[in-house]
Structures are given as structure tokens and as C-alpha cells.
């Protein structure tokens, strides 16, 4: 039997797409979405790109403005949930108002993992998670400003590209030996690092800030290797802390995220979690989280199906993308591997890297070749074993494989 009242807590991609999936799959009961942000759910990927670069940046809504009313979904923005009452199946708002639920979805997202030593600098320090963060940073990124970025992951590199395009001087500090070490294969890491250096970004890898002072509006950072960086602004992005306090207070199993199974079910009956706040328990007992736009959509569909007692949607290889300068780089499937083949010439602006594991195509990265993702998804999903020479030959269409 379908639940009569479903409440979604969260204002991001997973929350909005779960509401859409519930209605698409035939749920016609009461559906309420509670968001602590002042606006309807909006796309987050542009925050590090278009929101910093466009002359008049505008929020891109996840769903059309009239969708909520047309689909009879109660959207309440600017509200804060203070407590989840499992025994009575209610959520309590900060105002004291209580809303009943038969099933509950937590899509509360995450915040930037704080670095107190950097935050102590005050207004010259920035993180980037919400539209307000992007607006504040955009106002500060004036031509000629000097910027230190701490963290060489996807967001750090996107910020470096955007700041450079706004004619700022950028120094990027990364503890690991290479940028994007967590989610890009070696040849792609090397090519991205080359692009940033060619655009004037100072990449300070294998390094960390040891001392930090602010005097006369100037930041002085002393790095581990003795390098001194002087800047006007500092931005950091070194991981996330999940917004799991509501779940933890309600007695759900948490560990820097809400623990769920592969259907997005939490440890409490009737409560589900999706998006950046969710960590999926793997068969070996480990916990995994995908912090991507695509995963938020995927888990939204999984949670909606589980709530309605429907079969889960077909699993597909993980996918995400990044835009840096004139490069659109898309990643699909497994990034861990030692046998990468290359098709095309990245220095000419078009290439594909292929990850072969025991002869089967397990993952791929495209450079300005997004149209090929559909074929790559099929090849990876069905563990196809294409001829390596054909893979590396740009004259052989992927569809022919």
C-alpha cells in the first residue's frame, strides 16, 4: 500500500528529483518538501563556473517553477527542521510546528569540511556550497586579485579556471602529489595540470600550509616546503561533512553521513536517505559515497522506487563531468586501473582515454567528446571486450564496437 504522506527534507538535486520520481511513478498522496534555503531547488554544478563567470548569473532550477503546483507538491522554503520524531512519525520545525509522515526521505546534503585555521582569517576566506557562497565569491574575484586555493580536487580546479578567467592570479595548494588524485586516472591528471600551468596557475602539489597570517588585508601563507604565498583571498575545498545531525539525533546509524543499503533504506523503518548525505554500505562492510550530480538523481530514483515498493531502476556506470577553461571532461565507469589507452590528441582538444581491466572496458574519460558517452556507457555496462587497436583508432566509430 502506498504511503499517504511523504515528507522530503532537503533543498538540493536529490530532494527535487525524488519528488519528481514519486509523482512519475504514480504516488498521489500528500507530498511535502522542506528546504532551509530561501529558493526552490537549483542546480549546484554551475556554482563554480557560470555563477562566477557570467555577467548576470541566474539560478538554474532543478524543476520548472510551475512544476510544484501542477504536481500538487507542497514546497516550503526557508524552513528549518529541528527534530525527527520516529515514534509518532512527525518532523518538528524550528517554529514548533509538526508535520506527520508515513515515509520520510532525508536529502540534507553536506557542508564544506571546516578548516578553523583558515576560517580564522575572517571575510577573506571562502568556501563554496550554496548560491550565497558563489555570489559572495564572485563579488570578491576582481581582476588583479591574488587567490590561494586549498584543495586540488574537481572543485578546486574549476575554481582555479574560473578565477583565472576573471583575471585573478591563482596559487593552488594540494597535499597529494597530483591534482584530482581521487577521481581521475594518471594521464588525465597530468593533462589537466598542464592546462592549468599553461593558463598561469601556480600548482603547489605535495604541499600544505604550515603558517598563516593576515596583516594589512594581505594573506601570508608559509608552505611546508618553505614557499611563501601572498594573496588577497583564500578559498578552500577539502572534503565535506554530511548534514546528518537530524538522523543522528533520531537514533539512525550515521558515520559522516546516513548509512543506507543499496535501496537507500536507513536503519529505521520508513526513513530513507539520498544524495551527498547518504553513505552506502558495501558487501564487504565498507561505506561509499558518490558526490556527483548523477548520483543524486540515481539515488532519488532508488529511494522513490523503494518507498513505493517498485523494482529498483537499472544500475548504470557512475558518471560525472567537469568544465575547465575550454575543456569539457566527462568520466564514466571505473577510474582505478593501470592499463589506459588513448584515442585522439588531447593537445588538439579531443581525446578519449579507456580503462581496460582484464581485457574488458571498465571506464573511460572523454575530452570534448561528450556525444560518445552514450556508447561508452553501453560498452562499460555490458563489460564488452573491444579490440584495443580499434579502441585507440579514431577512424573506428565506437558504435561499431
Protein backbone atom coordinates (compact mmCIF):
# COMPACT_ATOMS: atom_id res chain seq x y z
CA UNK A 1 0.00 0.00 0.00
CA UNK A 2 1.27 3.45 -0.87
CA UNK A 3 2.05 5.85 1.94
CA UNK A 4 -0.47 8.61 2.47
CA UNK A 5 2.06 11.27 3.48
CA UNK A 6 5.65 11.51 2.31
CA UNK A 7 7.92 14.27 3.58
CA UNK A 8 11.28 15.13 1.97
CA UNK A 9 13.81 17.16 3.96
CA UNK A 10 16.34 18.91 1.73
CA UNK A 11 16.54 21.51 -1.00
CA UNK A 12 19.02 20.09 -3.48
CA UNK A 13 19.13 17.84 -6.52
CA UNK A 14 18.28 14.59 -4.74
CA UNK A 15 15.32 16.11 -2.89
CA UNK A 16 13.76 17.65 -6.01
CA UNK A 17 14.32 14.62 -8.21
CA UNK A 18 12.88 12.30 -5.57
CA UNK A 19 9.69 14.35 -5.57
CA UNK A 20 9.61 14.13 -9.37
CA UNK A 21 10.24 10.36 -9.31
CA UNK A 22 7.48 9.77 -6.75
CA UNK A 23 4.91 11.58 -8.86
CA UNK A 24 6.20 9.97 -12.08
CA UNK A 25 5.81 6.52 -10.51
CA UNK A 26 2.18 7.15 -9.57
CA UNK A 27 2.28 8.31 -5.97
CA UNK A 28 -0.76 10.54 -5.50
CA UNK A 29 -0.71 11.05 -1.73
CA UNK A 30 0.44 14.08 0.22
CA UNK A 31 3.97 15.13 -0.69
CA UNK A 32 5.87 17.91 1.06
CA UNK A 33 9.41 19.16 0.53
CA UNK A 34 11.08 21.18 3.30
CA UNK A 35 14.15 23.26 2.43
CA UNK A 36 16.15 25.61 4.63
CA UNK A 37 17.25 27.61 1.59
CA UNK A 38 15.14 30.63 0.58
CA UNK A 39 14.62 29.48 -3.02
CA UNK A 40 13.37 26.35 -4.82
CA UNK A 41 15.95 23.60 -5.52
CA UNK A 42 18.57 24.72 -8.03
CA UNK A 43 21.44 23.13 -9.95
CA UNK A 44 24.72 23.13 -8.00
CA UNK A 45 27.34 22.41 -10.75
CA UNK A 46 27.18 25.98 -12.15
CA UNK A 47 28.22 27.47 -8.79
CA UNK A 48 31.93 27.02 -9.57
CA UNK A 49 31.56 28.01 -13.21
CA UNK A 50 28.71 30.08 -14.68
CA UNK A 51 27.80 31.62 -11.32
CA UNK A 52 31.31 33.08 -11.15
CA UNK A 53 31.80 33.91 -14.84
CA UNK A 54 28.51 35.17 -16.25
CA UNK A 55 27.79 38.89 -16.25
CA UNK A 56 24.34 38.33 -14.74
CA UNK A 57 24.31 34.81 -13.29
CA UNK A 58 20.90 33.30 -12.62
CA UNK A 59 19.95 30.21 -10.69
CA UNK A 60 19.04 27.21 -12.81
CA UNK A 61 16.06 25.48 -11.17
CA UNK A 62 16.10 21.69 -10.99
CA UNK A 63 12.42 21.63 -11.94
CA UNK A 64 10.31 24.27 -13.73
CA UNK A 65 8.84 26.90 -11.44
CA UNK A 66 5.26 25.75 -12.10
CA UNK A 67 6.05 22.04 -11.64
CA UNK A 68 5.41 22.07 -7.91
CA UNK A 69 1.88 23.43 -8.11
CA UNK A 70 0.98 21.42 -11.20
CA UNK A 71 2.02 18.20 -9.44
CA UNK A 72 0.44 19.12 -6.10
CA UNK A 73 3.70 19.11 -4.18
CA UNK A 74 3.90 21.40 -1.16
CA UNK A 75 7.22 23.23 -1.43
CA UNK A 76 8.22 25.07 1.73
CA UNK A 77 11.44 27.07 1.51
CA UNK A 78 13.27 28.90 4.26
CA UNK A 79 12.17 26.47 6.96
CA UNK A 80 14.36 24.57 9.39
CA UNK A 81 13.63 21.13 10.79
CA UNK A 82 14.71 20.81 14.40
CA UNK A 83 13.84 17.20 15.16
CA UNK A 84 12.58 13.91 13.76
CA UNK A 85 10.14 12.03 16.00
CA UNK A 86 10.28 8.40 14.97
CA UNK A 87 7.74 7.11 17.47
CA UNK A 88 4.98 9.46 16.32
CA UNK A 89 6.27 9.78 12.74
CA UNK A 90 6.48 13.53 12.80
CA UNK A 91 9.05 16.16 11.89
CA UNK A 92 9.24 19.20 14.10
CA UNK A 93 10.14 22.58 12.67
CA UNK A 94 12.13 25.23 14.49
CA UNK A 95 8.87 27.13 14.94
CA UNK A 96 7.39 24.20 16.88
CA UNK A 97 5.07 23.15 14.05
CA UNK A 98 4.91 19.38 13.48
CA UNK A 99 4.22 17.57 10.22
CA UNK A 100 3.15 13.93 10.05
CA UNK A 101 4.84 11.48 7.72
CA UNK A 102 4.26 7.87 6.76
CA UNK A 103 7.60 7.76 4.95
CA UNK A 104 10.46 10.21 5.20
CA UNK A 105 13.36 10.99 2.86
CA UNK A 106 16.45 12.77 4.16
CA UNK A 107 18.32 14.58 1.38
CA UNK A 108 20.01 17.16 3.56
CA UNK A 109 23.30 17.27 1.67
CA UNK A 110 26.59 18.34 3.20
CA UNK A 111 28.71 21.34 4.08
CA UNK A 112 32.36 22.06 3.39
CA UNK A 113 34.65 20.37 5.90
CA UNK A 114 35.81 23.31 8.00
CA UNK A 115 39.43 24.28 8.49
CA UNK A 116 39.41 26.51 11.60
CA UNK A 117 42.88 27.95 10.96
CA UNK A 118 41.71 29.23 7.58
CA UNK A 119 38.30 30.37 8.82
CA UNK A 120 40.09 32.46 11.47
CA UNK A 121 41.14 34.88 8.69
CA UNK A 122 37.55 36.10 8.52
CA UNK A 123 35.97 37.67 5.45
CA UNK A 124 38.89 36.92 3.13
CA UNK A 125 38.21 33.15 3.43
CA UNK A 126 35.60 31.42 1.27
CA UNK A 127 34.02 28.01 0.76
CA UNK A 128 31.54 27.07 -1.97
CA UNK A 129 28.40 25.02 -1.35
CA UNK A 130 25.42 27.33 -1.92
CA UNK A 131 24.33 30.18 -4.17
CA UNK A 132 25.09 32.71 -1.43
CA UNK A 133 28.68 31.43 -1.29
CA UNK A 134 29.01 31.86 -5.06
CA UNK A 135 27.60 35.40 -5.02
CA UNK A 136 30.00 36.44 -2.26
CA UNK A 137 32.99 34.89 -4.03
CA UNK A 138 32.07 36.38 -7.41
CA UNK A 139 31.98 39.86 -5.91
CA UNK A 140 35.48 39.32 -4.50
CA UNK A 141 37.08 37.90 -7.66
CA UNK A 142 38.06 41.19 -9.23
CA UNK A 143 40.78 41.46 -11.91
CA UNK A 144 44.25 41.52 -10.40
CA UNK A 145 43.25 39.91 -7.11
CA UNK A 146 45.59 37.22 -5.80
CA UNK A 147 43.91 33.99 -4.74
CA UNK A 148 45.08 30.94 -2.81
CA UNK A 149 43.02 27.78 -3.38
CA UNK A 150 43.48 24.96 -0.89
CA UNK A 151 42.48 21.61 -2.39
CA UNK A 152 43.23 20.25 -5.86
CA UNK A 153 40.09 18.19 -6.43
CA UNK A 154 37.40 18.86 -9.01
CA UNK A 155 36.00 21.94 -7.30
CA UNK A 156 39.46 23.37 -6.63
CA UNK A 157 40.43 23.08 -10.29
CA UNK A 158 37.12 24.50 -11.51
CA UNK A 159 37.58 27.46 -9.16
CA UNK A 160 41.14 27.94 -10.41
CA UNK A 161 39.90 28.04 -14.00
CA UNK A 162 37.07 30.45 -13.21
CA UNK A 163 39.29 32.78 -11.16
CA UNK A 164 41.95 32.81 -13.87
CA UNK A 165 39.32 33.67 -16.46
CA UNK A 166 38.33 36.58 -14.20
CA UNK A 167 41.96 37.72 -14.48
CA UNK A 168 42.96 36.76 -10.96
CA UNK A 169 46.35 35.34 -10.00
CA UNK A 170 45.92 31.83 -8.61
CA UNK A 171 48.13 29.64 -6.42
CA UNK A 172 46.68 26.20 -5.70
CA UNK A 173 47.95 24.14 -2.74
CA UNK A 174 47.39 20.37 -2.76
CA UNK A 175 48.71 17.84 -0.24
CA UNK A 176 48.75 14.96 -2.73
CA UNK A 177 51.43 14.52 -5.42
CA UNK A 178 48.91 15.27 -8.19
CA UNK A 179 45.67 17.16 -8.70
CA UNK A 180 42.37 15.23 -8.91
CA UNK A 181 44.11 12.21 -7.47
CA UNK A 182 40.90 10.75 -6.03
CA UNK A 183 38.82 10.59 -9.17
CA UNK A 184 40.92 10.91 -12.33
CA UNK A 185 43.40 8.48 -13.91
CA UNK A 186 47.07 9.42 -14.25
CA UNK A 187 47.05 10.58 -17.90
CA UNK A 188 44.06 12.85 -17.28
CA UNK A 189 45.56 14.29 -14.10
CA UNK A 190 48.76 15.12 -15.97
CA UNK A 191 46.90 16.77 -18.85
CA UNK A 192 44.72 18.88 -16.53
CA UNK A 193 47.77 20.00 -14.54
CA UNK A 194 49.45 21.02 -17.80
CA UNK A 195 46.40 23.06 -18.81
CA UNK A 196 46.34 24.96 -15.54
CA UNK A 197 50.04 25.73 -15.68
CA UNK A 198 49.65 26.98 -19.25
CA UNK A 199 46.94 29.35 -18.01
CA UNK A 200 49.25 30.72 -15.31
CA UNK A 201 48.03 28.79 -12.26
CA UNK A 202 50.79 28.04 -9.76
CA UNK A 203 50.31 24.40 -8.73
CA UNK A 204 51.94 23.68 -5.37
CA UNK A 205 51.48 19.92 -5.00
CA UNK A 206 52.90 17.70 -2.27
CA UNK A 207 52.45 20.69 -0.02
CA UNK A 208 50.41 22.18 2.77
CA UNK A 209 50.07 25.46 4.67
CA UNK A 210 52.16 25.49 7.85
CA UNK A 211 51.67 29.10 8.96
CA UNK A 212 49.04 31.66 8.05
CA UNK A 213 48.83 35.35 8.93
CA UNK A 214 46.74 38.32 7.85
CA UNK A 215 48.14 41.84 8.05
CA UNK A 216 47.00 44.97 6.28
CA UNK A 217 44.48 42.95 4.29
CA UNK A 218 47.21 40.69 2.87
CA UNK A 219 47.32 36.94 3.49
CA UNK A 220 50.77 35.46 4.03
CA UNK A 221 50.91 31.67 3.80
CA UNK A 222 54.09 29.74 4.58
CA UNK A 223 54.03 26.30 2.99
CA UNK A 224 55.63 23.07 4.14
CA UNK A 225 58.44 23.32 1.58
CA UNK A 226 59.27 26.90 2.57
CA UNK A 227 57.36 28.59 -0.24
CA UNK A 228 55.66 31.85 0.74
CA UNK A 229 52.36 32.77 -0.90
CA UNK A 230 50.84 36.23 -0.58
CA UNK A 231 47.24 36.74 -1.53
CA UNK A 232 44.12 38.85 -1.09
CA UNK A 233 41.66 35.94 -0.89
CA UNK A 234 41.64 32.29 0.11
CA UNK A 235 39.20 29.56 -0.94
CA UNK A 236 39.30 26.00 0.32
CA UNK A 237 37.57 22.77 -0.58
CA UNK A 238 38.98 19.71 1.17
CA UNK A 239 36.03 17.37 1.50
CA UNK A 240 32.64 17.50 3.15
CA UNK A 241 30.85 16.99 6.43
CA UNK A 242 27.44 15.44 5.91
CA UNK A 243 24.42 17.19 7.35
CA UNK A 244 23.43 14.09 9.29
CA UNK A 245 22.66 15.63 12.70
CA UNK A 246 18.90 15.18 12.37
CA UNK A 247 19.38 11.49 11.60
CA UNK A 248 21.92 11.01 14.40
CA UNK A 249 19.66 12.73 16.94
CA UNK A 250 16.83 10.42 15.86
CA UNK A 251 18.98 7.34 16.52
CA UNK A 252 19.71 6.39 12.92
CA UNK A 253 23.05 4.80 12.07
CA UNK A 254 25.45 7.51 10.90
CA UNK A 255 29.16 7.93 10.14
CA UNK A 256 29.80 11.30 8.48
CA UNK A 257 26.64 10.51 6.59
CA UNK A 258 23.49 8.47 6.95
CA UNK A 259 24.17 4.77 6.43
CA UNK A 260 21.88 3.22 3.82
CA UNK A 261 21.61 -0.01 1.88
CA UNK A 262 21.63 -0.14 -1.91
CA UNK A 263 17.93 0.83 -1.95
CA UNK A 264 18.57 4.00 0.13
CA UNK A 265 16.90 2.49 3.20
CA UNK A 266 18.30 3.68 6.53
CA UNK A 267 18.49 1.71 9.79
CA UNK A 268 14.99 2.99 10.72
CA UNK A 269 11.84 1.66 9.09
CA UNK A 270 10.15 4.16 6.81
CA UNK A 271 13.13 6.52 6.63
CA UNK A 272 15.33 6.81 3.52
CA UNK A 273 18.34 8.95 2.58
CA UNK A 274 19.79 10.06 -0.76
CA UNK A 275 22.44 12.35 -2.20
CA UNK A 276 25.61 13.63 -0.57
CA UNK A 277 24.31 12.88 2.94
CA UNK A 278 24.00 9.14 2.20
CA UNK A 279 26.74 6.54 2.54
CA UNK A 280 26.01 3.12 1.06
CA UNK A 281 27.13 0.01 2.91
CA UNK A 282 29.03 -2.22 0.50
CA UNK A 283 29.04 -6.04 0.52
CA UNK A 284 32.40 -6.03 2.32
CA UNK A 285 31.05 -3.73 5.04
CA UNK A 286 32.82 -0.59 3.83
CA UNK A 287 30.95 2.66 3.21
CA UNK A 288 30.90 4.50 -0.11
CA UNK A 289 29.63 7.90 -1.17
CA UNK A 290 29.45 9.41 -4.66
CA UNK A 291 29.39 13.21 -4.52
CA UNK A 292 28.04 13.76 -8.02
CA UNK A 293 25.03 15.28 -9.74
CA UNK A 294 24.33 11.97 -11.45
CA UNK A 295 24.36 10.04 -8.18
CA UNK A 296 21.90 12.45 -6.59
CA UNK A 297 19.50 11.72 -9.47
CA UNK A 298 20.15 7.98 -9.28
CA UNK A 299 19.59 7.71 -5.54
CA UNK A 300 16.47 9.86 -5.82
CA UNK A 301 15.02 7.28 -8.21
CA UNK A 302 16.17 4.39 -5.99
CA UNK A 303 14.58 5.89 -2.88
CA UNK A 304 11.31 6.66 -4.69
CA UNK A 305 11.09 3.11 -6.02
CA UNK A 306 11.78 1.63 -2.56
CA UNK A 307 9.16 3.86 -0.94
CA UNK A 308 6.57 2.71 -3.44
CA UNK A 309 7.54 -0.96 -3.39
CA UNK A 310 8.68 -0.91 -7.02
CA UNK A 311 11.68 -2.67 -8.55
CA UNK A 312 14.83 -0.54 -8.46
CA UNK A 313 15.84 1.19 -11.68
CA UNK A 314 18.61 -0.42 -13.70
CA UNK A 315 22.06 0.36 -12.36
CA UNK A 316 24.41 2.15 -14.72
CA UNK A 317 28.10 3.07 -14.55
CA UNK A 318 28.86 6.14 -12.43
CA UNK A 319 29.26 9.35 -14.40
CA UNK A 320 30.37 12.92 -13.70
CA UNK A 321 31.90 15.83 -15.56
CA UNK A 322 33.98 18.95 -15.12
CA UNK A 323 34.34 22.10 -17.23
CA UNK A 324 37.70 23.85 -17.02
CA UNK A 325 38.69 26.59 -19.49
CA UNK A 326 37.60 25.30 -22.91
CA UNK A 327 37.66 21.66 -21.84
CA UNK A 328 34.63 19.54 -21.06
CA UNK A 329 35.91 16.37 -19.39
CA UNK A 330 33.47 13.54 -18.67
CA UNK A 331 34.23 10.47 -16.55
CA UNK A 332 32.26 7.23 -16.72
CA UNK A 333 32.76 3.91 -15.01
CA UNK A 334 35.79 2.79 -13.01
CA UNK A 335 38.71 5.17 -12.72
CA UNK A 336 41.10 2.79 -10.95
CA UNK A 337 43.28 0.88 -13.37
CA UNK A 338 46.79 0.57 -14.74
CA UNK A 339 46.03 -0.06 -18.42
CA UNK A 340 44.76 3.15 -20.04
CA UNK A 341 44.59 3.54 -23.81
CA UNK A 342 44.32 6.88 -25.57
CA UNK A 343 42.35 7.82 -28.69
CA UNK A 344 42.97 11.18 -30.30
CA UNK A 345 45.25 14.01 -29.22
CA UNK A 346 44.31 15.93 -26.05
CA UNK A 347 46.58 18.80 -27.09
CA UNK A 348 44.33 19.21 -30.13
CA UNK A 349 41.30 19.40 -27.82
CA UNK A 350 39.70 16.00 -28.50
CA UNK A 351 40.55 12.67 -26.89
CA UNK A 352 39.20 9.63 -25.10
CA UNK A 353 41.06 7.58 -22.51
CA UNK A 354 39.93 3.96 -22.00
CA UNK A 355 40.39 1.83 -18.88
CA UNK A 356 40.80 -1.86 -19.72
CA UNK A 357 40.64 -4.33 -16.83
CA UNK A 358 41.40 -7.93 -17.79
CA UNK A 359 40.50 -7.07 -21.36
CA UNK A 360 37.07 -5.60 -20.56
CA UNK A 361 36.26 -1.90 -20.84
CA UNK A 362 35.68 -0.74 -17.24
CA UNK A 363 35.86 3.05 -17.55
CA UNK A 364 36.56 5.96 -19.85
CA UNK A 365 37.25 9.68 -19.83
CA UNK A 366 36.27 11.93 -22.72
CA UNK A 367 37.72 15.33 -23.61
CA UNK A 368 35.23 17.42 -25.58
CA UNK A 369 33.68 14.18 -26.80
CA UNK A 370 30.51 14.12 -24.69
CA UNK A 371 28.48 12.73 -27.58
CA UNK A 372 30.32 9.42 -27.11
CA UNK A 373 29.22 8.92 -23.50
CA UNK A 374 26.06 7.06 -24.53
CA UNK A 375 28.04 4.42 -26.45
CA UNK A 376 30.69 4.20 -23.73
CA UNK A 377 28.02 3.61 -21.12
CA UNK A 378 26.77 0.59 -23.06
CA UNK A 379 30.25 -0.80 -23.63
CA UNK A 380 31.10 -0.47 -19.92
CA UNK A 381 27.76 -1.65 -18.59
CA UNK A 382 27.95 -4.89 -20.51
CA UNK A 383 31.69 -5.40 -19.89
CA UNK A 384 32.46 -5.50 -23.60
CA UNK A 385 35.92 -6.63 -24.67
CA UNK A 386 36.75 -4.48 -27.70
CA UNK A 387 39.93 -4.83 -29.69
CA UNK A 388 42.48 -2.41 -28.13
CA UNK A 389 43.77 -1.33 -31.53
CA UNK A 390 40.23 -0.42 -32.61
CA UNK A 391 39.66 1.48 -29.37
CA UNK A 392 42.74 3.61 -29.98
CA UNK A 393 41.89 4.25 -33.65
CA UNK A 394 39.78 7.45 -34.09
CA UNK A 395 38.64 6.19 -37.50
CA UNK A 396 36.72 3.30 -35.89
CA UNK A 397 33.31 4.52 -34.60
CA UNK A 398 32.59 3.45 -31.05
CA UNK A 399 29.19 2.21 -32.21
CA UNK A 400 30.97 -0.35 -34.39
CA UNK A 401 32.49 -1.91 -31.28
